[in-house]
Amino acid sequence: MFTGIITDIGTIVDVERRGDLRVRIATSYDTETIDIGASIACSGACLTVVQKGPSSFAVDISAESLSRTPRGRWDKGQRLNLERALKVGDELGGHIVTGHVDGVGTVATIELQGDSRRIIITVPKELGGYLAQKGSITVDGVSLTVNEVEDHQGFTQFGVNVIPHTAEVTTLGELATGAEVNVEIDVLARYLFRMKDFQKIT
């Protein structure tokens, strides 16, 4: 479990193609405090640490994870938003995040609003029912507030504001129009939507 508050930006320094894809990520974390088997959210995808070194750790990425995340996300040189798993007693500064990516969104537009960046993201229509104005959303592992939602024929768009601090300490400041991002819907919306569907057939 995570909060969507990013604590480091890692860089993929090695990719090994085997049964699964093994990726080594350089980090400023003290890896002595990271256990093998620990969970780390990497741009929103919860992955398990399988190896570690003095300034890096490795994770295995399954075919399922590859299919749920943007193309090229796990290439050498890619920068990733990192968050270690929430501990009991930690401050819950964002919202409850599971690290289970629900889909890939595409940046439609970016415009400046004051010092912030207003980003409009397009997602598949099936995710539209989980989005609500002033609800929570996770974009590339970052907890954000949904400002508006617009449903269109075949797709949905939502808008978020990224303040200068968030742009500086995450990879969201590097986004450009057309970029693909990991999207995780709010866990509460996930269960409410399921309850509604279940009631229809019972």
C-alpha atoms as a PDB file:
ATOM      1  CA  MET A   1       0.000   0.000   0.000  1.00  0.00           C
ATOM      2  CA  PHE A   2       1.204   3.490  -0.903  1.00  0.00           C
ATOM      3  CA  THR A   3       0.125   7.137  -0.677  1.00  0.00           C
ATOM      4  CA  GLY A   4       1.136   8.564  -4.059  1.00  0.00           C
ATOM      5  CA  ILE A   5       3.734  10.845  -2.444  1.00  0.00           C
ATOM      6  CA  ILE A   6       6.970  10.387  -4.402  1.00  0.00           C
ATOM      7  CA  THR A   7      10.185  10.140  -2.365  1.00  0.00           C
ATOM      8  CA  ASP A   8      12.789   9.587  -5.089  1.00  0.00           C
ATOM      9  CA  ILE A   9      13.274   9.568  -8.849  1.00  0.00           C
ATOM     10  CA  GLY A  10      15.106   6.458 -10.007  1.00  0.00           C
ATOM     11  CA  THR A  11      16.759   5.713 -13.336  1.00  0.00           C
ATOM     12  CA  ILE A  12      16.778   2.359 -15.135  1.00  0.00           C
ATOM     13  CA  VAL A  13      20.432   1.432 -15.560  1.00  0.00           C
ATOM     14  CA  ASP A  14      20.148  -2.148 -16.829  1.00  0.00           C
ATOM     15  CA  VAL A  15      17.525  -4.325 -18.509  1.00  0.00           C
ATOM     16  CA  GLU A  16      17.849  -8.101 -18.756  1.00  0.00           C
ATOM     17  CA  ARG A  17      15.436 -10.079 -20.909  1.00  0.00           C
ATOM     18  CA  ARG A  18      14.715 -13.491 -19.390  1.00  0.00           C
ATOM     19  CA  GLY A  19      11.467 -15.314 -18.433  1.00  0.00           C
ATOM     20  CA  ASP A  20      10.305 -11.961 -17.063  1.00  0.00           C
ATOM     21  CA  LEU A  21      11.982  -8.628 -17.674  1.00  0.00           C
ATOM     22  CA  ARG A  22      14.545  -7.868 -14.957  1.00  0.00           C
ATOM     23  CA  VAL A  23      15.181  -4.164 -14.504  1.00  0.00           C
ATOM     24  CA  ARG A  24      17.834  -2.576 -12.289  1.00  0.00           C
ATOM     25  CA  ILE A  25      16.999   0.892 -10.972  1.00  0.00           C
ATOM     26  CA  ALA A  26      19.496   3.392  -9.577  1.00  0.00           C
ATOM     27  CA  THR A  27      18.172   5.173  -6.492  1.00  0.00           C
ATOM     28  CA  SER A  28      19.206   7.522  -3.693  1.00  0.00           C
ATOM     29  CA  TYR A  29      17.435   5.274  -1.165  1.00  0.00           C
ATOM     30  CA  ASP A  30      19.608   3.626   1.467  1.00  0.00           C
ATOM     31  CA  THR A  31      19.277   0.122   0.051  1.00  0.00           C
ATOM     32  CA  GLU A  32      20.549  -1.376   3.324  1.00  0.00           C
ATOM     33  CA  THR A  33      17.090  -0.552   4.687  1.00  0.00           C
ATOM     34  CA  ILE A  34      15.295  -2.290   1.798  1.00  0.00           C
ATOM     35  CA  ASP A  35      14.519  -5.988   2.271  1.00  0.00           C
ATOM     36  CA  ILE A  36      14.527  -8.503  -0.543  1.00  0.00           C
ATOM     37  CA  GLY A  37      10.838  -9.062  -1.250  1.00  0.00           C
ATOM     38  CA  ALA A  38       9.888  -5.507  -0.321  1.00  0.00           C
ATOM     39  CA  SER A  39       7.407  -3.619  -2.503  1.00  0.00           C
ATOM     40  CA  ILE A  40       8.343  -0.361  -4.239  1.00  0.00           C
ATOM     41  CA  ALA A  41       5.986   1.583  -6.481  1.00  0.00           C
ATOM     42  CA  CYS A  42       7.812   2.415  -9.714  1.00  0.00           C
ATOM     43  CA  SER A  43       5.878   5.137 -11.553  1.00  0.00           C
ATOM     44  CA  GLY A  44       2.768   3.691  -9.961  1.00  0.00           C
ATOM     45  CA  ALA A  45       3.404  -0.016 -10.552  1.00  0.00           C
ATOM     46  CA  CYS A  46       3.945  -2.031  -7.366  1.00  0.00           C
ATOM     47  CA  LEU A  47       7.019  -4.201  -7.961  1.00  0.00           C
ATOM     48  CA  THR A  48       8.965  -6.624  -5.764  1.00  0.00           C
ATOM     49  CA  VAL A  49      12.653  -6.127  -4.989  1.00  0.00           C
ATOM     50  CA  VAL A  50      14.536  -9.277  -6.044  1.00  0.00           C
ATOM     51  CA  GLN A  51      18.126  -8.001  -5.849  1.00  0.00           C
ATOM     52  CA  LYS A  52      19.850  -4.951  -4.437  1.00  0.00           C
ATOM     53  CA  GLY A  53      23.226  -3.241  -4.409  1.00  0.00           C
ATOM     54  CA  PRO A  54      24.748  -0.191  -2.689  1.00  0.00           C
ATOM     55  CA  SER A  55      22.738   2.306  -4.766  1.00  0.00           C
ATOM     56  CA  SER A  56      20.328   0.257  -6.840  1.00  0.00           C
ATOM     57  CA  PHE A  57      17.711  -2.457  -6.688  1.00  0.00           C
ATOM     58  CA  ALA A  58      16.288  -4.889  -9.238  1.00  0.00           C
ATOM     59  CA  VAL A  59      12.706  -5.914  -9.949  1.00  0.00           C
ATOM     60  CA  ASP A  60      11.117  -8.476 -12.236  1.00  0.00           C
ATOM     61  CA  ILE A  61       8.365  -7.237 -14.539  1.00  0.00           C
ATOM     62  CA  SER A  62       5.834  -9.799 -15.718  1.00  0.00           C
ATOM     63  CA  ALA A  63       4.044  -9.887 -19.061  1.00  0.00           C
ATOM     64  CA  GLU A  64       0.897  -8.665 -17.264  1.00  0.00           C
ATOM     65  CA  SER A  65       2.724  -5.578 -15.969  1.00  0.00           C
ATOM     66  CA  LEU A  66       4.217  -4.924 -19.395  1.00  0.00           C
ATOM     67  CA  SER A  67       0.758  -5.059 -20.982  1.00  0.00           C
ATOM     68  CA  ARG A  68      -0.678  -2.619 -18.431  1.00  0.00           C
ATOM     69  CA  THR A  69       2.023   0.056 -18.675  1.00  0.00           C
ATOM     70  CA  PRO A  70       3.221   2.420 -21.439  1.00  0.00           C
ATOM     71  CA  ARG A  71       5.452   1.198 -24.220  1.00  0.00           C
ATOM     72  CA  GLY A  72       9.093   1.954 -23.500  1.00  0.00           C
ATOM     73  CA  ARG A  73       8.451   2.589 -19.799  1.00  0.00           C
ATOM     74  CA  TRP A  74      10.968  -0.104 -18.808  1.00  0.00           C
ATOM     75  CA  ASP A  75      13.728   0.830 -21.266  1.00  0.00           C
ATOM     76  CA  LYS A  76      17.242   1.671 -20.107  1.00  0.00           C
ATOM     77  CA  GLY A  77      17.574   5.351 -19.196  1.00  0.00           C
ATOM     78  CA  GLN A  78      13.911   5.842 -18.264  1.00  0.00           C
ATOM     79  CA  ARG A  79      13.285   7.878 -15.105  1.00  0.00           C
ATOM     80  CA  LEU A  80      10.758   6.504 -12.630  1.00  0.00           C
ATOM     81  CA  ASN A  81       8.826   7.980  -9.719  1.00  0.00           C
ATOM     82  CA  LEU A  82       9.627   5.854  -6.660  1.00  0.00           C
ATOM     83  CA  GLU A  83       7.723   5.334  -3.429  1.00  0.00           C
ATOM     84  CA  ARG A  84       8.446   2.769  -0.743  1.00  0.00           C
ATOM     85  CA  ALA A  85       5.536   0.908   0.849  1.00  0.00           C
ATOM     86  CA  LEU A  86       3.560   2.673   3.565  1.00  0.00           C
ATOM     87  CA  LYS A  87       4.431   1.752   7.152  1.00  0.00           C
ATOM     88  CA  VAL A  88       2.019   1.832  10.073  1.00  0.00           C
ATOM     89  CA  GLY A  89       2.326   5.281  11.639  1.00  0.00           C
ATOM     90  CA  ASP A  90       3.491   7.025   8.445  1.00  0.00           C
ATOM     91  CA  GLU A  91       1.783  10.255   7.446  1.00  0.00           C
ATOM     92  CA  LEU A  92      -0.925   9.672   4.834  1.00  0.00           C
ATOM     93  CA  GLY A  93      -0.257  12.744   2.758  1.00  0.00           C
ATOM     94  CA  GLY A  94      -1.864  11.643  -0.512  1.00  0.00           C
ATOM     95  CA  HIS A  95      -4.558   8.958  -0.761  1.00  0.00           C
ATOM     96  CA  ILE A  96      -4.705   5.172  -0.527  1.00  0.00           C
ATOM     97  CA  VAL A  97      -2.833   3.774  -3.534  1.00  0.00           C
ATOM     98  CA  THR A  98      -2.484   0.045  -4.264  1.00  0.00           C
ATOM     99  CA  GLY A  99       0.165   0.160  -6.979  1.00  0.00           C
ATOM    100  CA  HIS A 100      -2.109  -1.744  -9.392  1.00  0.00           C
ATOM    101  CA  VAL A 101      -2.158   0.115 -12.700  1.00  0.00           C
ATOM    102  CA  ASP A 102      -5.648   0.181 -14.236  1.00  0.00           C
ATOM    103  CA  GLY A 103      -4.752   1.553 -17.622  1.00  0.00           C
ATOM    104  CA  VAL A 104      -2.599   3.790 -19.750  1.00  0.00           C
ATOM    105  CA  GLY A 105      -3.540   7.411 -20.290  1.00  0.00           C
ATOM    106  CA  THR A 106      -2.275   9.810 -22.952  1.00  0.00           C
ATOM    107  CA  VAL A 107      -1.475  13.461 -22.327  1.00  0.00           C
ATOM    108  CA  ALA A 108      -3.821  15.447 -24.576  1.00  0.00           C
ATOM    109  CA  THR A 109      -2.842  19.002 -23.661  1.00  0.00           C
ATOM    110  CA  ILE A 110      -0.594  20.896 -21.246  1.00  0.00           C
ATOM    111  CA  GLU A 111      -1.008  24.572 -20.495  1.00  0.00           C
ATOM    112  CA  LEU A 112       0.349  26.922 -17.878  1.00  0.00           C
ATOM    113  CA  GLN A 113      -2.080  28.287 -15.282  1.00  0.00           C
ATOM    114  CA  GLY A 114      -0.205  30.681 -13.057  1.00  0.00           C
ATOM    115  CA  ASP A 115       2.854  28.781 -11.883  1.00  0.00           C
ATOM    116  CA  SER A 116       1.121  25.405 -12.261  1.00  0.00           C
ATOM    117  CA  ARG A 117       0.668  23.119 -15.244  1.00  0.00           C
ATOM    118  CA  ARG A 118      -2.861  22.127 -16.258  1.00  0.00           C
ATOM    119  CA  ILE A 119      -2.692  18.643 -17.786  1.00  0.00           C
ATOM    120  CA  ILE A 120      -5.563  16.985 -19.646  1.00  0.00           C
ATOM    121  CA  ILE A 121      -5.266  13.204 -19.906  1.00  0.00           C
ATOM    122  CA  THR A 122      -7.258  10.864 -22.147  1.00  0.00           C
ATOM    123  CA  VAL A 123      -8.129   7.396 -20.828  1.00  0.00           C
ATOM    124  CA  PRO A 124     -10.159   4.488 -22.223  1.00  0.00           C
ATOM    125  CA  LYS A 125     -13.921   4.862 -21.816  1.00  0.00           C
ATOM    126  CA  GLU A 126     -14.097   1.917 -19.386  1.00  0.00           C
ATOM    127  CA  LEU A 127     -12.199   3.958 -16.793  1.00  0.00           C
ATOM    128  CA  GLY A 128     -14.520   6.958 -17.116  1.00  0.00           C
ATOM    129  CA  GLY A 129     -17.059   5.663 -14.619  1.00  0.00           C
ATOM    130  CA  TYR A 130     -14.416   5.580 -11.886  1.00  0.00           C
ATOM    131  CA  LEU A 131     -13.461   9.256 -12.250  1.00  0.00           C
ATOM    132  CA  ALA A 132     -15.171  12.077 -10.393  1.00  0.00           C
ATOM    133  CA  GLN A 133     -14.558  15.799 -10.027  1.00  0.00           C
ATOM    134  CA  LYS A 134     -12.484  16.461  -6.879  1.00  0.00           C
ATOM    135  CA  GLY A 135     -11.849  12.739  -6.525  1.00  0.00           C
ATOM    136  CA  SER A 136      -8.377  11.209  -6.342  1.00  0.00           C
ATOM    137  CA  ILE A 137      -6.319   9.759  -9.186  1.00  0.00           C
ATOM    138  CA  THR A 138      -2.788   8.386  -9.418  1.00  0.00           C
ATOM    139  CA  VAL A 139      -0.757   9.369 -12.484  1.00  0.00           C
ATOM    140  CA  ASP A 140       2.648   7.691 -12.832  1.00  0.00           C
ATOM    141  CA  GLY A 141       2.490   6.996  -9.105  1.00  0.00           C
ATOM    142  CA  VAL A 142       1.672  10.589  -8.117  1.00  0.00           C
ATOM    143  CA  SER A 143      -1.446  11.317  -6.045  1.00  0.00           C
ATOM    144  CA  LEU A 144      -3.464  14.082  -7.723  1.00  0.00           C
ATOM    145  CA  THR A 145      -6.919  15.649  -7.527  1.00  0.00           C
ATOM    146  CA  VAL A 146      -9.246  15.370 -10.505  1.00  0.00           C
ATOM    147  CA  ASN A 147     -10.394  18.871 -11.465  1.00  0.00           C
ATOM    148  CA  GLU A 148     -12.876  17.978 -14.172  1.00  0.00           C
ATOM    149  CA  VAL A 149     -14.091  14.966 -16.143  1.00  0.00           C
ATOM    150  CA  GLU A 150     -15.473  14.956 -19.691  1.00  0.00           C
ATOM    151  CA  ASP A 151     -16.939  11.872 -21.343  1.00  0.00           C
ATOM    152  CA  HIS A 152     -16.707  11.553 -25.118  1.00  0.00           C
ATOM    153  CA  GLN A 153     -17.644   8.913 -27.652  1.00  0.00           C
ATOM    154  CA  GLY A 154     -15.225   6.089 -26.908  1.00  0.00           C
ATOM    155  CA  PHE A 155     -12.977   7.863 -24.388  1.00  0.00           C
ATOM    156  CA  THR A 156     -12.905  10.031 -21.277  1.00  0.00           C
ATOM    157  CA  GLN A 157     -10.689  12.996 -20.441  1.00  0.00           C
ATOM    158  CA  PHE A 158      -9.809  14.379 -17.027  1.00  0.00           C
ATOM    159  CA  GLY A 159      -7.787  17.359 -15.910  1.00  0.00           C
ATOM    160  CA  VAL A 160      -5.259  17.763 -13.097  1.00  0.00           C
ATOM    161  CA  ASN A 161      -3.087  20.621 -11.881  1.00  0.00           C
ATOM    162  CA  VAL A 162       0.593  20.008 -11.174  1.00  0.00           C
ATOM    163  CA  ILE A 163       2.114  22.622  -8.879  1.00  0.00           C
ATOM    164  CA  PRO A 164       5.794  23.618  -9.288  1.00  0.00           C
ATOM    165  CA  HIS A 165       6.930  21.499  -6.310  1.00  0.00           C
ATOM    166  CA  THR A 166       5.319  18.355  -7.730  1.00  0.00           C
ATOM    167  CA  ALA A 167       6.762  19.073 -11.184  1.00  0.00           C
ATOM    168  CA  GLU A 168      10.225  19.410  -9.642  1.00  0.00           C
ATOM    169  CA  VAL A 169      10.265  16.283  -7.457  1.00  0.00           C
ATOM    170  CA  THR A 170       8.509  13.913  -9.884  1.00  0.00           C
ATOM    171  CA  THR A 171       8.702  13.099 -13.580  1.00  0.00           C
ATOM    172  CA  LEU A 172       5.408  14.920 -14.220  1.00  0.00           C
ATOM    173  CA  GLY A 173       7.402  18.057 -14.930  1.00  0.00           C
ATOM    174  CA  GLU A 174       8.920  16.248 -17.935  1.00  0.00           C
ATOM    175  CA  LEU A 175       5.619  15.299 -19.562  1.00  0.00           C
ATOM    176  CA  ALA A 176       4.819  16.487 -23.068  1.00  0.00           C
ATOM    177  CA  THR A 177       1.739  16.226 -25.257  1.00  0.00           C
ATOM    178  CA  GLY A 178       1.328  12.649 -26.474  1.00  0.00           C
ATOM    179  CA  ALA A 179       3.198  11.083 -23.558  1.00  0.00           C
ATOM    180  CA  GLU A 180       1.715   7.918 -22.070  1.00  0.00           C
ATOM    181  CA  VAL A 181       1.243   7.580 -18.307  1.00  0.00           C
ATOM    182  CA  ASN A 182       0.223   4.916 -15.816  1.00  0.00           C
ATOM    183  CA  VAL A 183      -3.221   5.571 -14.321  1.00  0.00           C
ATOM    184  CA  GLU A 184      -4.635   4.050 -11.138  1.00  0.00           C
ATOM    185  CA  ILE A 185      -8.203   4.857 -10.171  1.00  0.00           C
ATOM    186  CA  ASP A 186      -9.181   5.471  -6.558  1.00  0.00           C
ATOM    187  CA  VAL A 187      -9.646   2.186  -4.694  1.00  0.00           C
ATOM    188  CA  LEU A 188     -12.950   3.340  -3.170  1.00  0.00           C
ATOM    189  CA  ALA A 189     -14.344   4.050  -6.649  1.00  0.00           C
ATOM    190  CA  ARG A 190     -13.244   0.580  -7.740  1.00  0.00           C
ATOM    191  CA  TYR A 191     -15.299  -1.144  -5.044  1.00  0.00           C
ATOM    192  CA  LEU A 192     -18.332   1.127  -5.388  1.00  0.00           C
ATOM    193  CA  PHE A 193     -18.447   0.488  -9.128  1.00  0.00           C
ATOM    194  CA  ARG A 194     -18.223  -3.272  -8.543  1.00  0.00           C
ATOM    195  CA  MET A 195     -21.012  -3.161  -5.948  1.00  0.00           C
ATOM    196  CA  LYS A 196     -23.266  -1.301  -8.389  1.00  0.00           C
ATOM    197  CA  ASP A 197     -22.633  -3.846 -11.161  1.00  0.00           C
ATOM    198  CA  PHE A 198     -23.140  -6.785  -8.795  1.00  0.00           C
ATOM    199  CA  GLN A 199     -26.497  -5.455  -7.608  1.00  0.00           C
ATOM    200  CA  LYS A 200     -27.731  -5.350 -11.201  1.00  0.00           C
ATOM    201  CA  ILE A 201     -27.389  -9.124 -11.565  1.00  0.00           C
ATOM    202  CA  THR A 202     -28.587 -10.245  -8.123  1.00  0.00           C
END
